[in-house]
């Protein structure tokens, strides 16, 4: 099958969730299909990315995203029904590049990543279209609205309301759509063409590491450290949970691992010598493999957290809030530990640090769960089934 794969940013390097998902989908889809990648990107600054992605794509077409013009579109669109992020990514040059590809190449299917790229294809009808929403971004923005202050609170409220409506429009317009979790699907609506397609883990990249030999006094948090839900989670943990843990375990250490650490994270970390902010690292797995516990104290966000399933794949026991689960099929006390209040979260961390058999139990069960349900091979096979449904033009809605 010939696939036109459309993204808002190049899926390499895989720093952000959509990039990780896109990279592994391209990697595995390319084993059976011919792929042309159309994406925003600067040719001069993405040579390494293009070299890597050329292993999977027959052709890579880049369109520059002019940020001043994009910001102006958002300002002009203050009264538009479209979410700000779709306005930010609307470009006449991208539209022309897409139309040229559709007219000149005989594609069997178009795969679009994220709602921000949906307007380019929502009214195309002559070719099967699948859109990967990934998360219910309306949920993400609702939770951000609950935590924002000042002008940002108004902006997140507007984006929440617009995205809530637009996600439904997308499902009505596209042949098939995917989302990572059942809870996100319920939020958008019971559309017959909206399918759950979970995130995955490269099991070779995140090998199991036994509990013995790890640092028994080290905690870790991993992710894109300039992403609001991650910044919010780390600040909540450092300010409200970590002092409670330190009171019981004075020599505890906490590594915050990930690219582009936000100023708020640097600020709270500077006040405690037990906290290390790494910034970009070549291999996150190495940090997960050293730690006794991975903490995932999400207070906002949506979808399925890579940091949870990657930690479980490594055999790193997880303590997480309910917001971190995103539909992952886990049981408290079997695969990970759940806690939502600062006191409860601290107690679960302290309990795990003191209980080696429990850490071993969680580590083994977590790895087994990921192997059974969350390998990229499984999730991309599920995606291919959705592609086949698009080719057969299934009905869009049931109600």
Protein backbone atom coordinates (compact mmCIF):
# COMPACT_ATOMS: atom_id res chain seq x y z
CA UNK A 1 0.00 0.00 0.00
CA UNK A 2 1.17 3.54 -0.77
CA UNK A 3 0.64 5.80 2.24
CA UNK A 4 0.91 9.58 2.48
CA UNK A 5 1.82 10.23 6.13
CA UNK A 6 1.16 13.86 7.21
CA UNK A 7 2.58 15.35 10.42
CA UNK A 8 2.91 18.75 12.08
CA UNK A 9 6.57 18.13 12.91
CA UNK A 10 9.15 15.60 11.87
CA UNK A 11 8.89 12.42 13.95
CA UNK A 12 12.60 12.52 14.75
CA UNK A 13 14.31 12.98 17.13
CA UNK A 14 11.56 11.32 19.20
CA UNK A 15 11.49 13.85 22.05
CA UNK A 16 7.73 14.42 22.24
CA UNK A 17 4.88 11.96 22.38
CA UNK A 18 3.64 12.49 18.83
CA UNK A 19 7.21 12.16 17.53
CA UNK A 20 7.77 8.89 19.39
CA UNK A 21 4.49 7.50 18.10
CA UNK A 22 5.11 8.67 14.56
CA UNK A 23 8.67 7.36 14.48
CA UNK A 24 7.73 3.83 15.49
CA UNK A 25 4.69 3.76 13.23
CA UNK A 26 6.86 4.73 10.26
CA UNK A 27 9.54 2.24 11.30
CA UNK A 28 7.13 -0.68 11.32
CA UNK A 29 4.71 0.37 8.57
CA UNK A 30 7.64 0.72 6.18
CA UNK A 31 8.25 -3.05 6.37
CA UNK A 32 5.09 -3.64 4.34
CA UNK A 33 4.16 -0.31 2.77
CA UNK A 34 5.62 2.52 0.68
CA UNK A 35 5.51 5.78 2.62
CA UNK A 36 5.80 9.41 1.62
CA UNK A 37 6.21 11.74 4.61
CA UNK A 38 4.84 15.28 4.37
CA UNK A 39 5.68 17.46 7.34
CA UNK A 40 6.47 20.92 8.52
CA UNK A 41 10.21 21.29 8.93
CA UNK A 42 13.25 23.34 8.04
CA UNK A 43 15.43 21.53 5.52
CA UNK A 44 18.64 23.20 6.72
CA UNK A 45 18.24 22.26 10.41
CA UNK A 46 16.81 18.74 10.09
CA UNK A 47 19.48 16.87 8.15
CA UNK A 48 19.97 14.26 10.87
CA UNK A 49 16.21 13.69 11.11
CA UNK A 50 15.86 13.31 7.35
CA UNK A 51 18.75 10.86 7.23
CA UNK A 52 17.14 8.71 9.92
CA UNK A 53 13.63 8.88 8.47
CA UNK A 54 14.90 8.09 4.98
CA UNK A 55 15.34 4.54 6.27
CA UNK A 56 11.56 4.26 6.38
CA UNK A 57 10.25 6.75 3.83
CA UNK A 58 10.58 6.68 0.05
CA UNK A 59 10.20 10.44 -0.02
CA UNK A 60 10.29 13.22 2.58
CA UNK A 61 8.68 16.55 1.73
CA UNK A 62 9.24 19.45 4.10
CA UNK A 63 7.30 22.70 4.32
CA UNK A 64 8.67 25.56 6.45
CA UNK A 65 6.40 26.83 9.22
CA UNK A 66 6.78 30.60 9.45
CA UNK A 67 6.21 31.34 13.12
CA UNK A 68 5.45 35.10 12.90
CA UNK A 69 2.75 34.41 10.34
CA UNK A 70 1.42 31.51 12.39
CA UNK A 71 1.10 33.66 15.52
CA UNK A 72 -0.66 36.35 13.49
CA UNK A 73 -3.17 33.74 12.28
CA UNK A 74 -3.95 32.90 15.90
CA UNK A 75 -4.53 36.55 16.75
CA UNK A 76 -6.77 37.03 13.73
CA UNK A 77 -8.63 33.85 14.59
CA UNK A 78 -9.74 34.99 18.04
CA UNK A 79 -13.37 34.68 16.92
CA UNK A 80 -12.82 31.59 14.75
CA UNK A 81 -14.48 28.27 15.69
CA UNK A 82 -11.15 26.51 15.09
CA UNK A 83 -8.81 25.72 18.00
CA UNK A 84 -5.76 27.97 18.20
CA UNK A 85 -3.40 25.09 17.46
CA UNK A 86 -5.11 24.35 14.15
CA UNK A 87 -4.87 28.04 13.24
CA UNK A 88 -1.20 28.01 14.19
CA UNK A 89 -0.50 25.22 11.69
CA UNK A 90 -2.54 26.46 8.73
CA UNK A 91 -0.31 27.30 5.80
CA UNK A 92 -1.03 27.97 2.13
CA UNK A 93 2.31 26.36 1.30
CA UNK A 94 1.41 23.16 3.15
CA UNK A 95 -2.00 23.09 1.49
CA UNK A 96 -0.37 23.43 -1.92
CA UNK A 97 2.20 20.72 -1.15
CA UNK A 98 -0.57 18.35 -0.07
CA UNK A 99 -2.69 19.03 -3.16
CA UNK A 100 0.34 18.47 -5.38
CA UNK A 101 0.99 15.09 -3.78
CA UNK A 102 -2.63 14.00 -4.01
CA UNK A 103 -2.76 15.02 -7.67
CA UNK A 104 0.57 13.56 -8.77
CA UNK A 105 0.92 10.32 -6.79
CA UNK A 106 -1.41 7.33 -6.64
CA UNK A 107 -1.72 6.96 -2.86
CA UNK A 108 -3.98 4.30 -1.41
CA UNK A 109 -4.47 6.12 1.89
CA UNK A 110 -3.61 9.29 3.79
CA UNK A 111 -2.63 9.03 7.46
CA UNK A 112 -2.81 12.35 9.34
CA UNK A 113 -1.34 12.93 12.77
CA UNK A 114 -3.06 15.27 15.27
CA UNK A 115 -6.12 17.49 15.13
CA UNK A 116 -3.96 20.50 14.23
CA UNK A 117 -3.46 19.01 10.74
CA UNK A 118 -7.07 17.91 10.22
CA UNK A 119 -8.29 20.99 8.29
CA UNK A 120 -6.05 20.12 5.36
CA UNK A 121 -7.93 16.89 4.71
CA UNK A 122 -11.31 17.12 6.42
CA UNK A 123 -13.09 17.90 3.13
CA UNK A 124 -11.11 15.57 0.87
CA UNK A 125 -13.30 12.68 -0.28
CA UNK A 126 -11.56 10.86 -3.13
CA UNK A 127 -9.02 8.98 -0.97
CA UNK A 128 -9.37 7.06 2.32
CA UNK A 129 -8.23 9.17 5.29
CA UNK A 130 -7.23 8.08 8.78
CA UNK A 131 -6.48 10.63 11.48
CA UNK A 132 -4.55 9.81 14.64
CA UNK A 133 -5.84 12.18 17.32
CA UNK A 134 -3.50 10.50 19.84
CA UNK A 135 -5.08 12.21 22.89
CA UNK A 136 -8.37 13.93 23.55
CA UNK A 137 -6.78 17.36 23.61
CA UNK A 138 -10.04 18.78 24.93
CA UNK A 139 -9.36 16.85 28.15
CA UNK A 140 -5.81 18.16 28.22
CA UNK A 141 -7.01 21.75 27.89
CA UNK A 142 -9.81 21.30 30.43
CA UNK A 143 -7.32 20.09 33.03
CA UNK A 144 -4.95 22.90 32.14
CA UNK A 145 -7.79 25.41 32.53
CA UNK A 146 -8.35 24.10 36.05
CA UNK A 147 -4.72 24.89 36.95
CA UNK A 148 -3.89 27.99 34.90
CA UNK A 149 -4.07 31.54 36.25
CA UNK A 150 -4.45 34.98 34.72
CA UNK A 151 -4.70 35.42 30.91
CA UNK A 152 -3.63 31.82 30.28
CA UNK A 153 -6.73 30.59 32.10
CA UNK A 154 -8.97 32.34 29.58
CA UNK A 155 -6.88 31.05 26.66
CA UNK A 156 -7.03 27.47 27.90
CA UNK A 157 -10.80 27.75 28.46
CA UNK A 158 -11.35 28.94 24.87
CA UNK A 159 -9.09 26.20 23.51
CA UNK A 160 -10.88 23.57 25.60
CA UNK A 161 -14.29 24.56 24.26
CA UNK A 162 -13.15 24.83 20.67
CA UNK A 163 -11.25 21.54 20.75
CA UNK A 164 -14.18 19.74 22.33
CA UNK A 165 -16.35 20.70 19.35
CA UNK A 166 -13.67 20.19 16.72
CA UNK A 167 -12.76 16.66 17.82
CA UNK A 168 -16.34 15.64 17.10
CA UNK A 169 -16.26 17.37 13.71
CA UNK A 170 -13.09 15.46 12.86
CA UNK A 171 -14.73 12.12 13.65
CA UNK A 172 -17.69 13.04 11.47
CA UNK A 173 -15.48 14.11 8.56
CA UNK A 174 -12.74 11.46 8.47
CA UNK A 175 -13.16 7.87 7.36
CA UNK A 176 -11.44 6.44 10.43
CA UNK A 177 -9.79 7.92 13.53
CA UNK A 178 -7.62 6.61 16.37
CA UNK A 179 -7.12 7.59 20.01
CA UNK A 180 -4.85 6.05 22.66
CA UNK A 181 -7.33 5.31 25.44
CA UNK A 182 -10.93 4.35 26.15
CA UNK A 183 -11.39 7.30 28.52
CA UNK A 184 -10.34 9.76 25.81
CA UNK A 185 -12.68 8.03 23.36
CA UNK A 186 -15.61 8.38 25.77
CA UNK A 187 -14.88 12.08 26.12
CA UNK A 188 -15.05 12.68 22.38
CA UNK A 189 -18.10 10.48 21.79
CA UNK A 190 -19.17 7.00 20.73
CA UNK A 191 -18.25 7.28 17.09
CA UNK A 192 -18.08 3.94 15.34
CA UNK A 193 -15.03 5.05 13.37
CA UNK A 194 -13.02 6.15 16.45
CA UNK A 195 -10.74 3.30 17.51
CA UNK A 196 -8.43 2.79 20.47
CA UNK A 197 -4.83 2.45 19.32
CA UNK A 198 -2.53 2.39 22.33
CA UNK A 199 1.01 3.73 22.59
CA UNK A 200 3.79 1.19 22.61
CA UNK A 201 7.31 0.46 23.77
CA UNK A 202 10.34 -0.69 21.83
CA UNK A 203 11.15 -3.66 24.05
CA UNK A 204 14.72 -3.88 22.75
CA UNK A 205 15.33 -0.22 23.53
CA UNK A 206 13.90 -0.60 27.06
CA UNK A 207 15.23 -3.98 28.29
CA UNK A 208 14.31 -5.34 31.70
CA UNK A 209 16.82 -4.53 34.47
CA UNK A 210 16.59 -6.50 37.72
CA UNK A 211 15.80 -4.71 40.97
CA UNK A 212 19.09 -5.78 42.52
CA UNK A 213 21.94 -3.47 41.55
CA UNK A 214 19.78 -0.36 41.22
CA UNK A 215 20.28 2.67 43.45
CA UNK A 216 17.79 1.95 46.28
CA UNK A 217 17.50 5.65 47.12
CA UNK A 218 16.92 7.14 43.67
CA UNK A 219 13.66 8.36 42.15
CA UNK A 220 13.22 9.38 38.52
CA UNK A 221 10.78 11.35 36.39
CA UNK A 222 11.21 11.35 32.59
CA UNK A 223 9.66 13.28 29.73
CA UNK A 224 9.67 16.46 27.69
CA UNK A 225 10.38 18.95 30.46
CA UNK A 226 8.92 21.96 28.65
CA UNK A 227 5.45 20.39 28.30
CA UNK A 228 2.94 21.95 30.70
CA UNK A 229 1.56 18.68 32.22
CA UNK A 230 5.12 17.49 32.94
CA UNK A 231 6.20 20.83 34.39
CA UNK A 232 3.07 20.96 36.51
CA UNK A 233 3.56 17.37 37.73
CA UNK A 234 7.21 17.84 38.70
CA UNK A 235 6.56 21.11 40.53
CA UNK A 236 3.68 19.50 42.45
CA UNK A 237 5.88 16.56 43.41
CA UNK A 238 8.91 18.66 44.41
CA UNK A 239 6.88 21.14 46.44
CA UNK A 240 4.29 18.88 48.06
CA UNK A 241 5.56 15.29 48.05
CA UNK A 242 9.34 15.18 47.99
CA UNK A 243 9.78 16.97 51.36
CA UNK A 244 7.61 14.29 52.99
CA UNK A 245 9.77 11.57 51.46
CA UNK A 246 12.98 13.32 52.51
CA UNK A 247 11.77 13.54 56.09
CA UNK A 248 11.68 9.73 56.23
CA UNK A 249 14.52 8.98 53.79
CA UNK A 250 17.08 11.80 54.19
CA UNK A 251 19.51 10.48 51.57
CA UNK A 252 16.88 10.15 48.83
CA UNK A 253 17.78 11.46 45.35
CA UNK A 254 15.51 12.61 42.55
CA UNK A 255 16.49 12.78 38.87
CA UNK A 256 14.37 14.88 36.49
CA UNK A 257 15.31 13.57 33.07
CA UNK A 258 14.30 15.10 29.77
CA UNK A 259 14.84 17.71 27.11
CA UNK A 260 14.29 21.48 27.51
CA UNK A 261 13.70 21.84 31.27
CA UNK A 262 11.33 24.73 31.97
CA UNK A 263 12.43 27.65 34.14
CA UNK A 264 9.94 26.63 36.84
CA UNK A 265 11.61 23.22 37.12
CA UNK A 266 15.07 24.73 37.33
CA UNK A 267 13.83 27.08 40.01
CA UNK A 268 12.31 24.45 42.31
CA UNK A 269 15.22 22.06 41.76
CA UNK A 270 17.78 24.71 42.69
CA UNK A 271 16.33 24.83 46.19
CA UNK A 272 17.16 21.18 46.95
CA UNK A 273 20.57 19.54 46.47
CA UNK A 274 18.99 16.09 46.30
CA UNK A 275 17.40 16.99 42.96
CA UNK A 276 19.23 16.72 39.62
CA UNK A 277 17.88 18.17 36.38
CA UNK A 278 19.67 16.49 33.49
CA UNK A 279 18.28 18.24 30.44
CA UNK A 280 18.67 16.27 27.22
CA UNK A 281 20.15 12.80 27.60
CA UNK A 282 21.05 10.38 24.83
CA UNK A 283 19.47 7.39 26.60
CA UNK A 284 16.56 7.81 29.01
CA UNK A 285 16.54 4.06 29.59
CA UNK A 286 19.89 4.31 31.38
CA UNK A 287 18.33 6.60 34.00
CA UNK A 288 15.23 4.46 34.37
CA UNK A 289 17.46 1.41 34.84
CA UNK A 290 19.35 3.04 37.73
CA UNK A 291 16.32 4.19 39.70
CA UNK A 292 14.49 2.32 42.44
CA UNK A 293 11.17 4.01 41.56
CA UNK A 294 9.74 6.05 38.69
CA UNK A 295 7.31 8.71 39.90
CA UNK A 296 4.55 9.87 37.54
CA UNK A 297 2.59 12.45 39.57
CA UNK A 298 0.49 13.86 36.72
CA UNK A 299 -2.03 16.55 37.69
CA UNK A 300 -3.13 17.35 34.15
CA UNK A 301 -2.66 16.16 30.60
CA UNK A 302 -4.49 13.47 28.66
CA UNK A 303 -3.86 10.27 26.77
CA UNK A 304 -1.43 7.50 27.59
CA UNK A 305 1.88 8.31 29.25
CA UNK A 306 4.98 6.83 27.61
CA UNK A 307 6.85 7.30 30.88
CA UNK A 308 4.60 4.74 32.59
CA UNK A 309 4.93 1.92 30.08
CA UNK A 310 8.61 2.62 29.40
CA UNK A 311 9.36 2.45 33.13
CA UNK A 312 7.42 -0.79 33.47
CA UNK A 313 9.24 -2.24 30.48
CA UNK A 314 12.57 -1.52 32.21
CA UNK A 315 11.38 -3.12 35.43
CA UNK A 316 11.30 0.21 37.25
CA UNK A 317 8.40 0.19 39.76
CA UNK A 318 5.99 3.08 39.23
CA UNK A 319 4.08 5.28 41.63
CA UNK A 320 1.51 7.29 39.69
CA UNK A 321 -1.66 9.35 39.96
CA UNK A 322 -4.87 8.34 38.23
CA UNK A 323 -4.25 11.08 35.62
CA UNK A 324 -1.12 9.19 34.53
CA UNK A 325 -2.88 5.98 33.55
CA UNK A 326 -4.63 7.00 30.34
CA UNK A 327 -6.33 3.65 29.91
CA UNK A 328 -3.29 1.48 30.67
CA UNK A 329 -4.63 -1.86 31.88
CA UNK A 330 -3.03 -1.89 35.34
CA UNK A 331 -4.02 -3.03 38.84
CA UNK A 332 -2.86 -1.18 41.95
CA UNK A 333 -0.42 -3.32 43.89
CA UNK A 334 0.13 -5.68 40.97
CA UNK A 335 1.61 -3.55 38.20
CA UNK A 336 2.20 -0.22 39.94
CA UNK A 337 1.12 1.84 42.96
CA UNK A 338 -1.55 4.53 42.71
CA UNK A 339 -1.80 7.67 44.84
CA UNK A 340 -3.45 11.02 44.24
CA UNK A 341 -2.87 13.14 47.35
CA UNK A 342 0.56 14.40 48.44
CA UNK A 343 0.50 12.40 51.68
CA UNK A 344 -0.64 9.19 50.01
CA UNK A 345 1.88 9.60 47.19
CA UNK A 346 4.72 10.09 49.68
CA UNK A 347 3.58 7.09 51.70
CA UNK A 348 3.54 4.84 48.63
CA UNK A 349 7.05 5.95 47.66
CA UNK A 350 8.38 5.40 51.19
CA UNK A 351 6.67 2.01 51.38
CA UNK A 352 8.19 0.86 48.10
CA UNK A 353 11.67 2.06 49.02
CA UNK A 354 11.52 -0.10 52.13
CA UNK A 355 10.01 -3.18 50.49
CA UNK A 356 12.35 -4.92 48.03
CA UNK A 357 10.01 -7.92 47.42
CA UNK A 358 7.18 -5.57 46.48
CA UNK A 359 9.44 -3.68 44.08
CA UNK A 360 10.44 -6.99 42.51
CA UNK A 361 6.79 -8.03 42.24
CA UNK A 362 5.79 -4.80 40.48
CA UNK A 363 8.85 -4.93 38.22
CA UNK A 364 8.13 -8.43 36.93
CA UNK A 365 4.40 -7.86 36.50
CA UNK A 366 4.93 -4.51 34.80
CA UNK A 367 7.33 -5.93 32.25
CA UNK A 368 5.02 -8.87 31.55
CA UNK A 369 2.08 -6.52 30.96
CA UNK A 370 4.03 -4.40 28.50
CA UNK A 371 5.23 -7.47 26.62
CA UNK A 372 1.67 -8.79 26.36
CA UNK A 373 -0.18 -5.59 25.45
CA UNK A 374 2.04 -2.62 24.66
CA UNK A 375 4.77 -3.52 22.19
CA UNK A 376 4.95 -1.32 19.09
CA UNK A 377 4.53 -4.41 16.94
CA UNK A 378 1.10 -4.99 18.48
CA UNK A 379 -0.09 -1.40 18.30
CA UNK A 380 1.04 -0.90 14.70
CA UNK A 381 -0.70 -4.15 13.73
CA UNK A 382 -3.85 -2.65 15.28
CA UNK A 383 -3.28 0.53 13.26
CA UNK A 384 -3.02 -1.45 10.05
CA UNK A 385 -6.44 -2.94 10.77
CA UNK A 386 -7.82 0.60 11.05
CA UNK A 387 -6.20 1.44 7.72
CA UNK A 388 -7.99 -1.53 6.18
CA UNK A 389 -11.30 -0.31 7.57
CA UNK A 390 -10.70 3.06 5.90
CA UNK A 391 -10.07 1.33 2.60
CA UNK A 392 -13.41 -0.43 2.95
CA UNK A 393 -15.18 2.88 3.78
CA UNK A 394 -17.04 1.83 6.94
CA UNK A 395 -19.94 4.01 8.21
CA UNK A 396 -18.86 6.86 10.40
CA UNK A 397 -21.36 7.00 13.25
CA UNK A 398 -23.75 4.87 15.23
CA UNK A 399 -25.71 7.64 16.85
